[in-house]
Amino acid sequence: MKDCVFCRIVAGEIPCAKVYEDDDILAFDDIHPMAPVHVVMIPKRHIATLMDIDTSQTDTAARLLAAARKVAVIKNVAERGFRTVVNCNAEGGQVVFHLHMHLLGGRKLEDTLG
């Protein structure tokens, strides 16, 4: 998708501060961090939202979770703790319509679920 900013990052058209990469997933530091550690993990293949993963793509979700574990170790938050977030659609807070997971850590995160 030529107009998708995350697809353009995957293609190398837009630079990123790469944290982790494998054949299917790219992880990079968020340009507007909301915590001392804030990494965005994306599948290299364009999938617009979590709702667009069908049964043939469940491995994508598993690969995002596996990447989160690796990123947590790389960023030294695996033992202390971290949060992962997947926003879905506009009311869920999704801004870029390319499936992505945020990993936040590096400080005590407030309980937002109450």
Protein backbone atom coordinates (compact mmCIF):
# COMPACT_ATOMS: atom_id res chain seq x y z
CA MET A 1 0.00 0.00 0.00
CA LYS A 2 1.87 3.02 -1.29
CA ASP A 3 0.00 5.52 0.91
CA CYS A 4 0.47 3.57 4.18
CA VAL A 5 3.21 5.08 6.33
CA PHE A 6 4.08 1.72 7.90
CA CYS A 7 4.32 0.05 4.48
CA ARG A 8 6.66 2.85 3.45
CA ILE A 9 8.79 2.20 6.54
CA VAL A 10 8.94 -1.52 5.67
CA ALA A 11 9.95 -0.59 2.10
CA GLY A 12 12.77 1.61 3.43
CA GLU A 13 11.23 4.80 2.02
CA ILE A 14 10.88 6.31 5.50
CA PRO A 15 13.66 5.79 8.05
CA CYS A 16 13.02 4.32 11.48
CA ALA A 17 15.01 3.55 14.62
CA LYS A 18 14.92 -0.21 14.17
CA VAL A 19 14.82 -2.29 17.34
CA TYR A 20 14.10 -5.76 15.91
CA GLU A 21 13.44 -7.32 12.52
CA ASP A 22 12.78 -10.79 11.17
CA ASP A 23 11.22 -12.08 7.95
CA ASP A 24 7.68 -11.10 9.01
CA ILE A 25 7.90 -8.40 11.70
CA LEU A 26 9.57 -5.00 12.01
CA ALA A 27 9.87 -3.22 15.37
CA PHE A 28 11.01 0.37 15.80
CA ASP A 29 11.01 3.13 18.40
CA ASP A 30 7.85 5.25 18.36
CA ILE A 31 8.50 8.83 17.19
CA HIS A 32 6.10 10.15 19.86
CA PRO A 33 6.91 7.96 22.88
CA MET A 34 4.39 7.75 25.71
CA ALA A 35 6.86 5.98 28.03
CA PRO A 36 10.65 5.73 28.29
CA VAL A 37 10.40 2.55 26.21
CA HIS A 38 7.83 2.76 23.41
CA VAL A 39 8.29 0.41 20.48
CA VAL A 40 5.90 -0.19 17.58
CA MET A 41 5.81 -3.70 16.10
CA ILE A 42 4.23 -4.24 12.69
CA PRO A 43 3.75 -7.14 10.32
CA LYS A 44 5.65 -6.47 7.11
CA ARG A 45 2.58 -7.55 5.16
CA HIS A 46 -0.18 -4.95 5.15
CA ILE A 47 -3.17 -5.87 7.30
CA ALA A 48 -5.36 -2.85 8.10
CA THR A 49 -6.74 -3.79 11.54
CA LEU A 50 -6.97 -6.61 14.03
CA MET A 51 -10.43 -7.31 12.59
CA ASP A 52 -8.83 -8.05 9.23
CA ILE A 53 -6.90 -11.08 10.48
CA ASP A 54 -8.69 -14.18 9.29
CA THR A 55 -8.08 -17.80 10.28
CA SER A 56 -5.37 -18.16 7.66
CA GLN A 57 -3.41 -15.30 9.28
CA THR A 58 -3.44 -16.25 12.96
CA ASP A 59 0.30 -16.80 12.72
CA THR A 60 0.64 -13.01 12.29
CA ALA A 61 -0.76 -12.40 15.77
CA ALA A 62 1.50 -15.10 17.21
CA ARG A 63 4.53 -13.56 15.50
CA LEU A 64 3.68 -10.12 16.92
CA LEU A 65 3.54 -11.61 20.41
CA ALA A 66 6.82 -13.45 19.90
CA ALA A 67 8.41 -10.22 18.69
CA ALA A 68 7.10 -8.42 21.80
CA ARG A 69 8.97 -10.91 23.99
CA LYS A 70 12.18 -10.33 22.04
CA VAL A 71 11.79 -6.54 22.08
CA ALA A 72 11.17 -6.58 25.85
CA VAL A 73 14.49 -8.38 26.33
CA ILE A 74 16.31 -6.05 23.92
CA LYS A 75 14.91 -2.98 25.71
CA ASN A 76 15.63 -4.42 29.20
CA VAL A 77 12.02 -4.36 30.41
CA ALA A 78 11.26 -8.10 30.31
CA GLU A 79 11.86 -8.64 34.03
CA ARG A 80 10.54 -5.32 35.33
CA GLY A 81 7.37 -5.42 33.23
CA PHE A 82 5.80 -3.80 30.22
CA ARG A 83 2.47 -3.30 28.50
CA THR A 84 1.38 -4.28 25.01
CA VAL A 85 -1.47 -2.48 23.26
CA VAL A 86 -3.28 -3.10 19.98
CA ASN A 87 -5.73 -0.34 19.06
CA CYS A 88 -8.45 -1.32 16.61
CA ASN A 89 -10.38 1.13 14.42
CA ALA A 90 -11.01 4.80 15.11
CA GLU A 91 -12.98 4.52 18.36
CA GLY A 92 -10.34 2.13 19.67
CA GLY A 93 -7.66 4.76 19.10
CA GLN A 94 -6.10 3.37 15.91
CA VAL A 95 -4.53 6.19 13.89
CA VAL A 96 -2.44 4.29 11.34
CA PHE A 97 -4.51 1.64 9.59
CA HIS A 98 -1.81 -0.99 9.40
CA LEU A 99 -2.01 -3.55 12.20
CA HIS A 100 0.52 -2.73 14.90
CA MET A 101 1.28 -3.44 18.54
CA HIS A 102 2.80 -0.97 20.97
CA LEU A 103 5.19 -2.11 23.71
CA LEU A 104 5.51 0.38 26.57
CA GLY A 105 7.73 0.20 29.61
CA GLY A 106 10.68 1.68 31.44
CA ARG A 107 8.58 3.09 34.28
CA LYS A 108 5.60 2.12 36.44
CA LEU A 109 2.57 2.31 34.17
CA GLU A 110 -0.74 3.46 35.61
CA ASP A 111 -3.66 1.03 35.71
CA THR A 112 -5.97 2.47 33.07
CA LEU A 113 -8.56 -0.28 33.27
CA GLY A 114 -9.61 0.60 36.72
